[in-house]
Each structure stands twice: as structure tokens, then as C-alpha cells.
Amino acid sequence: MKGSFPRVVDVDPDGRKDLLVGDAEGEIILHANVNTKDDPRFDGGTPLEAGPPGMKVVINVGQRPTPEVVGGDNDGVPDLLVGSADGLVRLYRGREERWRAREFTSSGWSPVRGSR
């Protein structure tokens, strides 16, 4: 996959590392480990979704999403932080029903841009 950004993390958390990939087209794909911790094997992948139950949509942040699983709010459910080529950082708060989106783009926040 051209321009993909992989992360190895335990998303579920079941003690087995999964493969989380930001693809070049903007989606975040979860390849779950369907084998053991010591001999990982990943499934074909499922695009992650965000939103309330019954209204979820596939997460797509534009070009070059760079995902990172974080747990900053101490609720025991992983959150998803995603940077992208537009310079914005988006936070998807983990909930029992998956992720709900929050975008840090206003109220004193400005896009984060890397230097070259």
C-alpha cells in the first residue's frame, strides 16, 4: 500500500498486538491479530468507523493519516489520535461502541505543521 503508516498496537485489548494502518487515501484500517501473541497473524482488515450507534461512518481524514492509539483520559478504553497531510490532528474518543470523533481545529488550536 503506497504511503501507508502502520502501527502495531493492542487495540481490543486482548493481550495480542494488532496492526493499525493509515492508508494513503485517508482511511484507518484495523488488521486484528487472529492468532497468538507469540505467532501473530492478521486478518484482511476492517476500516474503522466513528459516530453514534446506527449513524457510524468510515473514518477518512484525507491524505496520509497517521494513527496513534492513546489512553489519556484513564477510562480504560483506547482513544485514537490521527494526524493527516492537511496538518490537522483529530481525536476519536474510545467508547464501548467504538470511536466518536472530535477534531482539534478551532478555539485557539491551530494546525500542526512539520518543518522540512
PDB file of N, CA and C in Angstrom:
ATOM      1  N   MET A   1       0.841  -1.161   0.000  1.00  0.00           N
ATOM      2  CA  MET A   1       0.000   0.000   0.000  1.00  0.00           C
ATOM      3  C   MET A   1       0.895   1.235   0.000  1.00  0.00           C
ATOM      4  N   LYS A   2       0.834   2.032  -1.019  1.00  0.00           N
ATOM      5  CA  LYS A   2       1.691   3.204  -1.144  1.00  0.00           C
ATOM      6  C   LYS A   2       1.294   4.274  -0.133  1.00  0.00           C
ATOM      7  N   GLY A   3       2.270   4.735   0.612  1.00  0.00           N
ATOM      8  CA  GLY A   3       2.026   5.804   1.563  1.00  0.00           C
ATOM      9  C   GLY A   3       1.282   5.383   2.808  1.00  0.00           C
ATOM     10  N   SER A   4       1.425   4.150   3.222  1.00  0.00           N
ATOM     11  CA  SER A   4       0.718   3.712   4.423  1.00  0.00           C
ATOM     12  C   SER A   4       1.562   3.964   5.670  1.00  0.00           C
ATOM     13  N   PHE A   5       0.879   4.135   6.803  1.00  0.00           N
ATOM     14  CA  PHE A   5       1.529   4.387   8.078  1.00  0.00           C
ATOM     15  C   PHE A   5       1.068   3.335   9.076  1.00  0.00           C
ATOM     16  N   PRO A   6       1.832   2.270   9.267  1.00  0.00           N
ATOM     17  CA  PRO A   6       1.414   1.191  10.172  1.00  0.00           C
ATOM     18  C   PRO A   6       1.820   1.445  11.624  1.00  0.00           C
ATOM     19  N   ARG A   7       0.992   0.914  12.516  1.00  0.00           N
ATOM     20  CA  ARG A   7       1.289   0.912  13.948  1.00  0.00           C
ATOM     21  C   ARG A   7       0.934  -0.471  14.486  1.00  0.00           C
ATOM     22  N   VAL A   8       1.759  -1.007  15.350  1.00  0.00           N
ATOM     23  CA  VAL A   8       1.471  -2.275  15.994  1.00  0.00           C
ATOM     24  C   VAL A   8       1.025  -1.947  17.413  1.00  0.00           C
ATOM     25  N   VAL A   9      -0.240  -2.221  17.705  1.00  0.00           N
ATOM     26  CA  VAL A   9      -0.830  -1.879  18.997  1.00  0.00           C
ATOM     27  C   VAL A   9      -1.858  -2.940  19.394  1.00  0.00           C
ATOM     28  N   ASP A  10      -2.145  -3.002  20.671  1.00  0.00           N
ATOM     29  CA  ASP A  10      -3.198  -3.895  21.153  1.00  0.00           C
ATOM     30  C   ASP A  10      -4.464  -3.061  21.270  1.00  0.00           C
ATOM     31  N   VAL A  11      -5.277  -3.037  20.223  1.00  0.00           N
ATOM     32  CA  VAL A  11      -6.446  -2.171  20.173  1.00  0.00           C
ATOM     33  C   VAL A  11      -7.581  -2.674  21.053  1.00  0.00           C
ATOM     34  N   ASP A  12      -7.807  -3.983  21.160  1.00  0.00           N
ATOM     35  CA  ASP A  12      -9.032  -4.520  21.775  1.00  0.00           C
ATOM     36  C   ASP A  12      -9.185  -4.411  23.281  1.00  0.00           C
ATOM     37  N   PRO A  13      -8.382  -4.406  24.176  1.00  0.00           N
ATOM     38  CA  PRO A  13      -7.084  -5.014  24.416  1.00  0.00           C
ATOM     39  C   PRO A  13      -7.243  -6.460  24.900  1.00  0.00           C
ATOM     40  N   ASP A  14      -6.702  -7.378  24.134  1.00  0.00           N
ATOM     41  CA  ASP A  14      -6.803  -8.808  24.454  1.00  0.00           C
ATOM     42  C   ASP A  14      -5.434  -9.435  24.699  1.00  0.00           C
ATOM     43  N   GLY A  15      -4.394  -8.575  24.784  1.00  0.00           N
ATOM     44  CA  GLY A  15      -3.047  -9.076  25.019  1.00  0.00           C
ATOM     45  C   GLY A  15      -2.299  -9.449  23.753  1.00  0.00           C
ATOM     46  N   ARG A  16      -2.989  -9.365  22.598  1.00  0.00           N
ATOM     47  CA  ARG A  16      -2.346  -9.665  21.315  1.00  0.00           C
ATOM     48  C   ARG A  16      -2.213  -8.368  20.528  1.00  0.00           C
ATOM     49  N   LYS A  17      -1.050  -8.158  19.937  1.00  0.00           N
ATOM     50  CA  LYS A  17      -0.819  -6.946  19.143  1.00  0.00           C
ATOM     51  C   LYS A  17      -1.560  -7.036  17.815  1.00  0.00           C
ATOM     52  N   ASP A  18      -2.243  -5.944  17.455  1.00  0.00           N
ATOM     53  CA  ASP A  18      -2.955  -5.815  16.189  1.00  0.00           C
ATOM     54  C   ASP A  18      -2.182  -4.858  15.297  1.00  0.00           C
ATOM     55  N   LEU A  19      -2.564  -4.789  14.041  1.00  0.00           N
ATOM     56  CA  LEU A  19      -1.920  -3.901  13.084  1.00  0.00           C
ATOM     57  C   LEU A  19      -2.922  -2.818  12.683  1.00  0.00           C
ATOM     58  N   LEU A  20      -2.571  -1.573  12.965  1.00  0.00           N
ATOM     59  CA  LEU A  20      -3.401  -0.428  12.633  1.00  0.00           C
ATOM     60  C   LEU A  20      -2.693   0.340  11.531  1.00  0.00           C
ATOM     61  N   VAL A  21      -3.383   0.574  10.413  1.00  0.00           N
ATOM     62  CA  VAL A  21      -2.738   1.185   9.249  1.00  0.00           C
ATOM     63  C   VAL A  21      -3.540   2.390   8.774  1.00  0.00           C
ATOM     64  N   GLY A  22      -2.863   3.529   8.653  1.00  0.00           N
ATOM     65  CA  GLY A  22      -3.440   4.685   7.974  1.00  0.00           C
ATOM     66  C   GLY A  22      -3.069   4.554   6.515  1.00  0.00           C
ATOM     67  N   ASP A  23      -4.071   4.406   5.638  1.00  0.00           N
ATOM     68  CA  ASP A  23      -3.732   4.221   4.222  1.00  0.00           C
ATOM     69  C   ASP A  23      -3.649   5.570   3.501  1.00  0.00           C
ATOM     70  N   ALA A  24      -3.037   5.577   2.347  1.00  0.00           N
ATOM     71  CA  ALA A  24      -2.763   6.810   1.617  1.00  0.00           C
ATOM     72  C   ALA A  24      -4.027   7.573   1.242  1.00  0.00           C
ATOM     73  N   GLU A  25      -5.157   6.887   1.186  1.00  0.00           N
ATOM     74  CA  GLU A  25      -6.414   7.525   0.790  1.00  0.00           C
ATOM     75  C   GLU A  25      -7.183   8.121   1.957  1.00  0.00           C
ATOM     76  N   GLY A  26      -6.713   7.929   3.194  1.00  0.00           N
ATOM     77  CA  GLY A  26      -7.332   8.596   4.323  1.00  0.00           C
ATOM     78  C   GLY A  26      -8.035   7.722   5.332  1.00  0.00           C
ATOM     79  N   GLU A  27      -8.191   6.437   5.056  1.00  0.00           N
ATOM     80  CA  GLU A  27      -8.878   5.556   5.987  1.00  0.00           C
ATOM     81  C   GLU A  27      -7.908   4.938   6.985  1.00  0.00           C
ATOM     82  N   ILE A  28      -8.453   4.527   8.121  1.00  0.00           N
ATOM     83  CA  ILE A  28      -7.689   3.822   9.139  1.00  0.00           C
ATOM     84  C   ILE A  28      -8.195   2.380   9.119  1.00  0.00           C
ATOM     85  N   ILE A  29      -7.302   1.438   8.845  1.00  0.00           N
ATOM     86  CA  ILE A  29      -7.679   0.032   8.711  1.00  0.00           C
ATOM     87  C   ILE A  29      -7.110  -0.754   9.893  1.00  0.00           C
ATOM     88  N   LEU A  30      -7.973  -1.538  10.550  1.00  0.00           N
ATOM     89  CA  LEU A  30      -7.537  -2.396  11.642  1.00  0.00           C
ATOM     90  C   LEU A  30      -7.424  -3.821  11.138  1.00  0.00           C
ATOM     91  N   HIS A  31      -6.221  -4.374  11.236  1.00  0.00           N
ATOM     92  CA  HIS A  31      -5.963  -5.784  10.924  1.00  0.00           C
ATOM     93  C   HIS A  31      -5.804  -6.483  12.270  1.00  0.00           C
ATOM     94  N   ALA A  32      -6.849  -7.174  12.702  1.00  0.00           N
ATOM     95  CA  ALA A  32      -6.837  -7.824  14.011  1.00  0.00           C
ATOM     96  C   ALA A  32      -5.947  -9.058  13.987  1.00  0.00           C
ATOM     97  N   ASN A  33      -5.234  -9.262  15.088  1.00  0.00           N
ATOM     98  CA  ASN A  33      -4.427 -10.469  15.257  1.00  0.00           C
ATOM     99  C   ASN A  33      -5.388 -11.614  15.563  1.00  0.00           C
ATOM    100  N   VAL A  34      -5.467 -12.574  14.660  1.00  0.00           N
ATOM    101  CA  VAL A  34      -6.395 -13.695  14.813  1.00  0.00           C
ATOM    102  C   VAL A  34      -5.685 -14.959  15.300  1.00  0.00           C
ATOM    103  N   ASN A  35      -4.441 -14.806  15.733  1.00  0.00           N
ATOM    104  CA  ASN A  35      -3.687 -15.951  16.228  1.00  0.00           C
ATOM    105  C   ASN A  35      -3.197 -15.639  17.645  1.00  0.00           C
ATOM    106  N   THR A  36      -2.000 -16.022  17.970  1.00  0.00           N
ATOM    107  CA  THR A  36      -1.492 -15.849  19.327  1.00  0.00           C
ATOM    108  C   THR A  36      -0.571 -14.642  19.433  1.00  0.00           C
ATOM    109  N   LYS A  37      -0.253 -14.285  20.677  1.00  0.00           N
ATOM    110  CA  LYS A  37       0.678 -13.199  20.949  1.00  0.00           C
ATOM    111  C   LYS A  37       2.057 -13.498  20.364  1.00  0.00           C
ATOM    112  N   ASP A  38       2.504 -14.755  20.487  1.00  0.00           N
ATOM    113  CA  ASP A  38       3.841 -15.137  20.041  1.00  0.00           C
ATOM    114  C   ASP A  38       3.927 -15.461  18.559  1.00  0.00           C
ATOM    115  N   ASP A  39       2.796 -15.738  17.920  1.00  0.00           N
ATOM    116  CA  ASP A  39       2.757 -16.064  16.495  1.00  0.00           C
ATOM    117  C   ASP A  39       1.608 -15.293  15.845  1.00  0.00           C
ATOM    118  N   PRO A  40       1.774 -13.961  15.719  1.00  0.00           N
ATOM    119  CA  PRO A  40       0.666 -13.142  15.206  1.00  0.00           C
ATOM    120  C   PRO A  40       0.350 -13.423  13.739  1.00  0.00           C
ATOM    121  N   ARG A  41      -0.938 -13.402  13.431  1.00  0.00           N
ATOM    122  CA  ARG A  41      -1.443 -13.473  12.060  1.00  0.00           C
ATOM    123  C   ARG A  41      -2.602 -12.502  11.988  1.00  0.00           C
ATOM    124  N   PHE A  42      -2.613 -11.695  10.945  1.00  0.00           N
ATOM    125  CA  PHE A  42      -3.584 -10.611  10.861  1.00  0.00           C
ATOM    126  C   PHE A  42      -4.663 -10.913   9.829  1.00  0.00           C
ATOM    127  N   ASP A  43      -5.894 -10.490  10.141  1.00  0.00           N
ATOM    128  CA  ASP A  43      -6.992 -10.682   9.198  1.00  0.00           C
ATOM    129  C   ASP A  43      -6.874  -9.682   8.043  1.00  0.00           C
ATOM    130  N   GLY A  44      -7.816  -9.718   7.115  1.00  0.00           N
ATOM    131  CA  GLY A  44      -7.779  -8.878   5.919  1.00  0.00           C
ATOM    132  C   GLY A  44      -8.000  -7.402   6.161  1.00  0.00           C
ATOM    133  N   GLY A  45      -8.443  -7.033   7.338  1.00  0.00           N
ATOM    134  CA  GLY A  45      -8.589  -5.631   7.695  1.00  0.00           C
ATOM    135  C   GLY A  45     -10.018  -5.127   7.611  1.00  0.00           C
ATOM    136  N   THR A  46     -10.337  -4.223   8.521  1.00  0.00           N
ATOM    137  CA  THR A  46     -11.640  -3.585   8.572  1.00  0.00           C
ATOM    138  C   THR A  46     -11.436  -2.090   8.751  1.00  0.00           C
ATOM    139  N   PRO A  47     -12.052  -1.252   7.890  1.00  0.00           N
ATOM    140  CA  PRO A  47     -11.950   0.196   8.089  1.00  0.00           C
ATOM    141  C   PRO A  47     -12.618   0.592   9.412  1.00  0.00           C
ATOM    142  N   LEU A  48     -11.968   1.447  10.189  1.00  0.00           N
ATOM    143  CA  LEU A  48     -12.550   1.909  11.441  1.00  0.00           C
ATOM    144  C   LEU A  48     -13.651   2.911  11.166  1.00  0.00           C
ATOM    145  N   GLU A  49     -14.651   2.889  12.028  1.00  0.00           N
ATOM    146  CA  GLU A  49     -15.791   3.787  11.912  1.00  0.00           C
ATOM    147  C   GLU A  49     -15.885   4.654  13.157  1.00  0.00           C
ATOM    148  N   ALA A  50     -16.558   5.800  13.025  1.00  0.00           N
ATOM    149  CA  ALA A  50     -16.802   6.688  14.156  1.00  0.00           C
ATOM    150  C   ALA A  50     -18.226   7.208  14.062  1.00  0.00           C
ATOM    151  N   GLY A  51     -18.755   7.588  15.206  1.00  0.00           N
ATOM    152  CA  GLY A  51     -20.094   8.153  15.258  1.00  0.00           C
ATOM    153  C   GLY A  51     -20.974   7.393  16.212  1.00  0.00           C
ATOM    154  N   PRO A  52     -22.167   7.915  16.434  1.00  0.00           N
ATOM    155  CA  PRO A  52     -23.094   7.245  17.349  1.00  0.00           C
ATOM    156  C   PRO A  52     -23.653   5.966  16.731  1.00  0.00           C
ATOM    157  N   PRO A  53     -24.103   5.041  17.559  1.00  0.00           N
ATOM    158  CA  PRO A  53     -24.677   3.795  17.042  1.00  0.00           C
ATOM    159  C   PRO A  53     -25.782   4.081  16.022  1.00  0.00           C
ATOM    160  N   GLY A  54     -25.766   3.335  14.932  1.00  0.00           N
ATOM    161  CA  GLY A  54     -26.753   3.499  13.873  1.00  0.00           C
ATOM    162  C   GLY A  54     -26.428   4.596  12.881  1.00  0.00           C
ATOM    163  N   MET A  55     -25.402   5.409  13.160  1.00  0.00           N
ATOM    164  CA  MET A  55     -25.041   6.515  12.271  1.00  0.00           C
ATOM    165  C   MET A  55     -23.540   6.557  12.011  1.00  0.00           C
ATOM    166  N   LYS A  56     -22.872   5.448  12.199  1.00  0.00           N
ATOM    167  CA  LYS A  56     -21.422   5.416  12.029  1.00  0.00           C
ATOM    168  C   LYS A  56     -21.033   5.569  10.571  1.00  0.00           C
ATOM    169  N   VAL A  57     -19.882   6.198  10.361  1.00  0.00           N
ATOM    170  CA  VAL A  57     -19.303   6.326   9.033  1.00  0.00           C
ATOM    171  C   VAL A  57     -17.838   5.927   9.119  1.00  0.00           C
ATOM    172  N   VAL A  58     -17.293   5.499   8.004  1.00  0.00           N
ATOM    173  CA  VAL A  58     -15.881   5.121   7.951  1.00  0.00           C
ATOM    174  C   VAL A  58     -15.031   6.366   8.181  1.00  0.00           C
ATOM    175  N   ILE A  59     -14.055   6.251   9.066  1.00  0.00           N
ATOM    176  CA  ILE A  59     -13.134   7.358   9.319  1.00  0.00           C
ATOM    177  C   ILE A  59     -12.305   7.597   8.066  1.00  0.00           C
ATOM    178  N   ASN A  60     -12.308   8.836   7.591  1.00  0.00           N
ATOM    179  CA  ASN A  60     -11.475   9.237   6.462  1.00  0.00           C
ATOM    180  C   ASN A  60     -11.057  10.672   6.701  1.00  0.00           C
ATOM    181  N   VAL A  61      -9.757  10.886   6.949  1.00  0.00           N
ATOM    182  CA  VAL A  61      -9.246  12.209   7.291  1.00  0.00           C
ATOM    183  C   VAL A  61      -8.489  12.867   6.148  1.00  0.00           C
ATOM    184  N   GLY A  62      -8.586  12.301   4.967  1.00  0.00           N
ATOM    185  CA  GLY A  62      -7.842  12.842   3.838  1.00  0.00           C
ATOM    186  C   GLY A  62      -6.499  12.148   3.699  1.00  0.00           C
ATOM    187  N   GLN A  63      -5.617  12.747   2.963  1.00  0.00           N
ATOM    188  CA  GLN A  63      -4.357  12.099   2.628  1.00  0.00           C
ATOM    189  C   GLN A  63      -3.462  11.865   3.833  1.00  0.00           C
ATOM    190  N   ARG A  64      -2.776  10.719   3.779  1.00  0.00           N
ATOM    191  CA  ARG A  64      -1.719  10.343   4.714  1.00  0.00           C
ATOM    192  C   ARG A  64      -2.103  10.370   6.191  1.00  0.00           C
ATOM    193  N   PRO A  65      -3.133   9.661   6.583  1.00  0.00           N
ATOM    194  CA  PRO A  65      -3.449   9.623   8.007  1.00  0.00           C
ATOM    195  C   PRO A  65      -2.372   8.866   8.783  1.00  0.00           C
ATOM    196  N   THR A  66      -2.026   9.406   9.919  1.00  0.00           N
ATOM    197  CA  THR A  66      -1.026   8.792  10.784  1.00  0.00           C
ATOM    198  C   THR A  66      -1.678   8.523  12.132  1.00  0.00           C
ATOM    199  N   PRO A  67      -2.121   7.276  12.359  1.00  0.00           N
ATOM    200  CA  PRO A  67      -2.845   6.972  13.594  1.00  0.00           C
ATOM    201  C   PRO A  67      -1.919   6.629  14.751  1.00  0.00           C
ATOM    202  N   GLU A  68      -2.404   6.909  15.938  1.00  0.00           N
ATOM    203  CA  GLU A  68      -1.720   6.516  17.167  1.00  0.00           C
ATOM    204  C   GLU A  68      -2.793   6.216  18.204  1.00  0.00           C
ATOM    205  N   VAL A  69      -2.691   5.088  18.866  1.00  0.00           N
ATOM    206  CA  VAL A  69      -3.633   4.744  19.917  1.00  0.00           C
ATOM    207  C   VAL A  69      -3.089   5.312  21.221  1.00  0.00           C
ATOM    208  N   VAL A  70      -3.931   6.062  21.927  1.00  0.00           N
ATOM    209  CA  VAL A  70      -3.540   6.708  23.182  1.00  0.00           C
ATOM    210  C   VAL A  70      -4.597   6.409  24.236  1.00  0.00           C
ATOM    211  N   GLY A  71      -4.287   6.673  25.478  1.00  0.00           N
ATOM    212  CA  GLY A  71      -5.236   6.445  26.563  1.00  0.00           C
ATOM    213  C   GLY A  71      -5.152   7.534  27.600  1.00  0.00           C
ATOM    214  N   GLY A  72      -5.244   8.769  27.177  1.00  0.00           N
ATOM    215  CA  GLY A  72      -5.013   9.899  28.065  1.00  0.00           C
ATOM    216  C   GLY A  72      -6.096  10.208  29.074  1.00  0.00           C
ATOM    217  N   ASP A  73      -7.314   9.649  28.915  1.00  0.00           N
ATOM    218  CA  ASP A  73      -8.377  10.031  29.846  1.00  0.00           C
ATOM    219  C   ASP A  73      -8.628   8.994  30.942  1.00  0.00           C
ATOM    220  N   ASN A  74      -7.783   7.977  31.007  1.00  0.00           N
ATOM    221  CA  ASN A  74      -7.799   6.980  32.086  1.00  0.00           C
ATOM    222  C   ASN A  74      -9.134   6.263  32.265  1.00  0.00           C
ATOM    223  N   ASP A  75      -9.893   6.055  31.189  1.00  0.00           N
ATOM    224  CA  ASP A  75     -11.148   5.316  31.311  1.00  0.00           C
ATOM    225  C   ASP A  75     -10.990   3.846  30.931  1.00  0.00           C
ATOM    226  N   GLY A  76      -9.762   3.445  30.557  1.00  0.00           N
ATOM    227  CA  GLY A  76      -9.502   2.058  30.208  1.00  0.00           C
ATOM    228  C   GLY A  76      -9.849   1.697  28.778  1.00  0.00           C
ATOM    229  N   VAL A  77     -10.411   2.630  28.021  1.00  0.00           N
ATOM    230  CA  VAL A  77     -10.772   2.392  26.624  1.00  0.00           C
ATOM    231  C   VAL A  77      -9.814   3.200  25.760  1.00  0.00           C
ATOM    232  N   PRO A  78      -9.132   2.561  24.792  1.00  0.00           N
ATOM    233  CA  PRO A  78      -8.171   3.297  23.981  1.00  0.00           C
ATOM    234  C   PRO A  78      -8.831   4.364  23.119  1.00  0.00           C
ATOM    235  N   ASP A  79      -8.137   5.499  22.968  1.00  0.00           N
ATOM    236  CA  ASP A  79      -8.564   6.573  22.082  1.00  0.00           C
ATOM    237  C   ASP A  79      -7.667   6.555  20.853  1.00  0.00           C
ATOM    238  N   LEU A  80      -8.126   7.167  19.784  1.00  0.00           N
ATOM    239  CA  LEU A  80      -7.384   7.185  18.532  1.00  0.00           C
ATOM    240  C   LEU A  80      -7.061   8.625  18.169  1.00  0.00           C
ATOM    241  N   LEU A  81      -5.783   8.928  18.019  1.00  0.00           N
ATOM    242  CA  LEU A  81      -5.310  10.241  17.623  1.00  0.00           C
ATOM    243  C   LEU A  81      -4.784  10.110  16.207  1.00  0.00           C
ATOM    244  N   VAL A  82      -5.251  10.977  15.272  1.00  0.00           N
ATOM    245  CA  VAL A  82      -4.876  10.841  13.863  1.00  0.00           C
ATOM    246  C   VAL A  82      -4.426  12.187  13.300  1.00  0.00           C
ATOM    247  N   GLY A  83      -3.186  12.228  12.832  1.00  0.00           N
ATOM    248  CA  GLY A  83      -2.706  13.382  12.088  1.00  0.00           C
ATOM    249  C   GLY A  83      -2.903  13.110  10.607  1.00  0.00           C
ATOM    250  N   SER A  84      -2.872  14.140   9.785  1.00  0.00           N
ATOM    251  CA  SER A  84      -3.024  13.940   8.344  1.00  0.00           C
ATOM    252  C   SER A  84      -2.284  15.028   7.585  1.00  0.00           C
ATOM    253  N   ALA A  85      -2.240  14.888   6.269  1.00  0.00           N
ATOM    254  CA  ALA A  85      -1.480  15.807   5.421  1.00  0.00           C
ATOM    255  C   ALA A  85      -2.013  17.238   5.467  1.00  0.00           C
ATOM    256  N   ASP A  86      -3.266  17.424   5.884  1.00  0.00           N
ATOM    257  CA  ASP A  86      -3.799  18.786   5.964  1.00  0.00           C
ATOM    258  C   ASP A  86      -3.296  19.527   7.197  1.00  0.00           C
ATOM    259  N   GLY A  87      -2.497  18.850   8.038  1.00  0.00           N
ATOM    260  CA  GLY A  87      -1.913  19.482   9.204  1.00  0.00           C
ATOM    261  C   GLY A  87      -2.796  19.460  10.430  1.00  0.00           C
ATOM    262  N   LEU A  88      -3.981  18.861  10.339  1.00  0.00           N
ATOM    263  CA  LEU A  88      -4.883  18.810  11.476  1.00  0.00           C
ATOM    264  C   LEU A  88      -4.667  17.539  12.282  1.00  0.00           C
ATOM    265  N   VAL A  89      -5.006  17.601  13.551  1.00  0.00           N
ATOM    266  CA  VAL A  89      -4.958  16.442  14.429  1.00  0.00           C
ATOM    267  C   VAL A  89      -6.378  16.187  14.903  1.00  0.00           C
ATOM    268  N   ARG A  90      -6.832  14.947  14.761  1.00  0.00           N
ATOM    269  CA  ARG A  90      -8.188  14.584  15.157  1.00  0.00           C
ATOM    270  C   ARG A  90      -8.133  13.545  16.265  1.00  0.00           C
ATOM    271  N   LEU A  91      -9.017  13.700  17.228  1.00  0.00           N
ATOM    272  CA  LEU A  91      -9.109  12.759  18.329  1.00  0.00           C
ATOM    273  C   LEU A  91     -10.432  12.018  18.226  1.00  0.00           C
ATOM    274  N   TYR A  92     -10.359  10.703  18.232  1.00  0.00           N
ATOM    275  CA  TYR A  92     -11.544   9.849  18.248  1.00  0.00           C
ATOM    276  C   TYR A  92     -11.579   9.196  19.622  1.00  0.00           C
ATOM    277  N   ARG A  93     -12.519   9.645  20.450  1.00  0.00           N
ATOM    278  CA  ARG A  93     -12.624   9.165  21.825  1.00  0.00           C
ATOM    279  C   ARG A  93     -13.173   7.757  21.842  1.00  0.00           C
ATOM    280  N   GLY A  94     -12.480   6.864  22.513  1.00  0.00           N
ATOM    281  CA  GLY A  94     -12.917   5.488  22.628  1.00  0.00           C
ATOM    282  C   GLY A  94     -14.143   5.358  23.507  1.00  0.00           C
ATOM    283  N   ARG A  95     -15.082   4.592  23.054  1.00  0.00           N
ATOM    284  CA  ARG A  95     -16.291   4.275  23.805  1.00  0.00           C
ATOM    285  C   ARG A  95     -16.558   2.796  23.621  1.00  0.00           C
ATOM    286  N   GLU A  96     -17.447   2.265  24.381  1.00  0.00           N
ATOM    287  CA  GLU A  96     -17.778   0.852  24.228  1.00  0.00           C
ATOM    288  C   GLU A  96     -18.228   0.541  22.810  1.00  0.00           C
ATOM    289  N   GLU A  97     -18.909   1.488  22.154  1.00  0.00           N
ATOM    290  CA  GLU A  97     -19.424   1.236  20.804  1.00  0.00           C
ATOM    291  C   GLU A  97     -18.450   1.678  19.712  1.00  0.00           C
ATOM    292  N   ARG A  98     -17.219   1.911  20.031  1.00  0.00           N
ATOM    293  CA  ARG A  98     -16.133   2.301  19.134  1.00  0.00           C
ATOM    294  C   ARG A  98     -15.764   3.759  19.340  1.00  0.00           C
ATOM    295  N   TRP A  99     -15.333   4.435  18.287  1.00  0.00           N
ATOM    296  CA  TRP A  99     -14.791   5.789  18.433  1.00  0.00           C
ATOM    297  C   TRP A  99     -15.805   6.863  18.049  1.00  0.00           C
ATOM    298  N   ARG A 100     -15.783   7.963  18.787  1.00  0.00           N
ATOM    299  CA  ARG A 100     -16.562   9.157  18.447  1.00  0.00           C
ATOM    300  C   ARG A 100     -15.554  10.253  18.109  1.00  0.00           C
ATOM    301  N   ALA A 101     -15.849  11.008  17.077  1.00  0.00           N
ATOM    302  CA  ALA A 101     -14.868  11.970  16.566  1.00  0.00           C
ATOM    303  C   ALA A 101     -14.895  13.302  17.305  1.00  0.00           C
ATOM    304  N   ARG A 102     -13.715  13.860  17.478  1.00  0.00           N
ATOM    305  CA  ARG A 102     -13.548  15.234  17.932  1.00  0.00           C
ATOM    306  C   ARG A 102     -12.342  15.772  17.175  1.00  0.00           C
ATOM    307  N   GLU A 103     -12.484  16.928  16.571  1.00  0.00           N
ATOM    308  CA  GLU A 103     -11.402  17.490  15.760  1.00  0.00           C
ATOM    309  C   GLU A 103     -10.852  18.736  16.438  1.00  0.00           C
ATOM    310  N   PHE A 104      -9.560  18.784  16.626  1.00  0.00           N
ATOM    311  CA  PHE A 104      -8.913  19.947  17.213  1.00  0.00           C
ATOM    312  C   PHE A 104      -8.498  20.903  16.110  1.00  0.00           C
ATOM    313  N   THR A 105      -9.381  21.841  15.791  1.00  0.00           N
ATOM    314  CA  THR A 105      -9.075  22.769  14.705  1.00  0.00           C
ATOM    315  C   THR A 105      -9.429  24.204  15.044  1.00  0.00           C
ATOM    316  N   SER A 106     -10.096  24.449  16.179  1.00  0.00           N
ATOM    317  CA  SER A 106     -10.530  25.804  16.486  1.00  0.00           C
ATOM    318  C   SER A 106     -10.326  26.091  17.963  1.00  0.00           C
ATOM    319  N   SER A 107     -10.869  27.205  18.424  1.00  0.00           N
ATOM    320  CA  SER A 107     -10.782  27.619  19.825  1.00  0.00           C
ATOM    321  C   SER A 107      -9.338  27.675  20.315  1.00  0.00           C
ATOM    322  N   GLY A 108      -8.510  28.347  19.571  1.00  0.00           N
ATOM    323  CA  GLY A 108      -7.130  28.520  19.992  1.00  0.00           C
ATOM    324  C   GLY A 108      -6.178  27.472  19.466  1.00  0.00           C
ATOM    325  N   TRP A 109      -6.702  26.408  18.887  1.00  0.00           N
ATOM    326  CA  TRP A 109      -5.847  25.383  18.304  1.00  0.00           C
ATOM    327  C   TRP A 109      -5.547  25.773  16.872  1.00  0.00           C
ATOM    328  N   SER A 110      -4.355  25.488  16.422  1.00  0.00           N
ATOM    329  CA  SER A 110      -4.030  25.732  15.018  1.00  0.00           C
ATOM    330  C   SER A 110      -3.420  24.456  14.443  1.00  0.00           C
ATOM    331  N   PRO A 111      -3.490  24.325  13.129  1.00  0.00           N
ATOM    332  CA  PRO A 111      -2.907  23.128  12.519  1.00  0.00           C
ATOM    333  C   PRO A 111      -1.432  22.966  12.904  1.00  0.00           C
ATOM    334  N   VAL A 112      -1.035  21.735  13.087  1.00  0.00           N
ATOM    335  CA  VAL A 112       0.354  21.430  13.417  1.00  0.00           C
ATOM    336  C   VAL A 112       1.049  21.090  12.109  1.00  0.00           C
ATOM    337  N   ARG A 113       2.045  21.809  11.757  1.00  0.00           N
ATOM    338  CA  ARG A 113       2.760  21.580  10.504  1.00  0.00           C
ATOM    339  C   ARG A 113       4.222  21.259  10.819  1.00  0.00           C
ATOM    340  N   GLY A 114       4.719  20.263  10.140  1.00  0.00           N
ATOM    341  CA  GLY A 114       6.123  19.883  10.304  1.00  0.00           C
ATOM    342  C   GLY A 114       7.045  20.795   9.503  1.00  0.00           C
ATOM    343  N   SER A 115       8.267  20.889   9.916  1.00  0.00           N
ATOM    344  CA  SER A 115       9.237  21.672   9.162  1.00  0.00           C
ATOM    345  C   SER A 115      10.020  20.737   8.257  1.00  0.00           C
ATOM    346  N   ARG A 116      10.528  21.255   7.188  1.00  0.00           N
ATOM    347  CA  ARG A 116      11.312  20.444   6.247  1.00  0.00           C
ATOM    348  C   ARG A 116      12.750  20.810   6.278  1.00  0.00           C
TER     349      ARG A 116
END
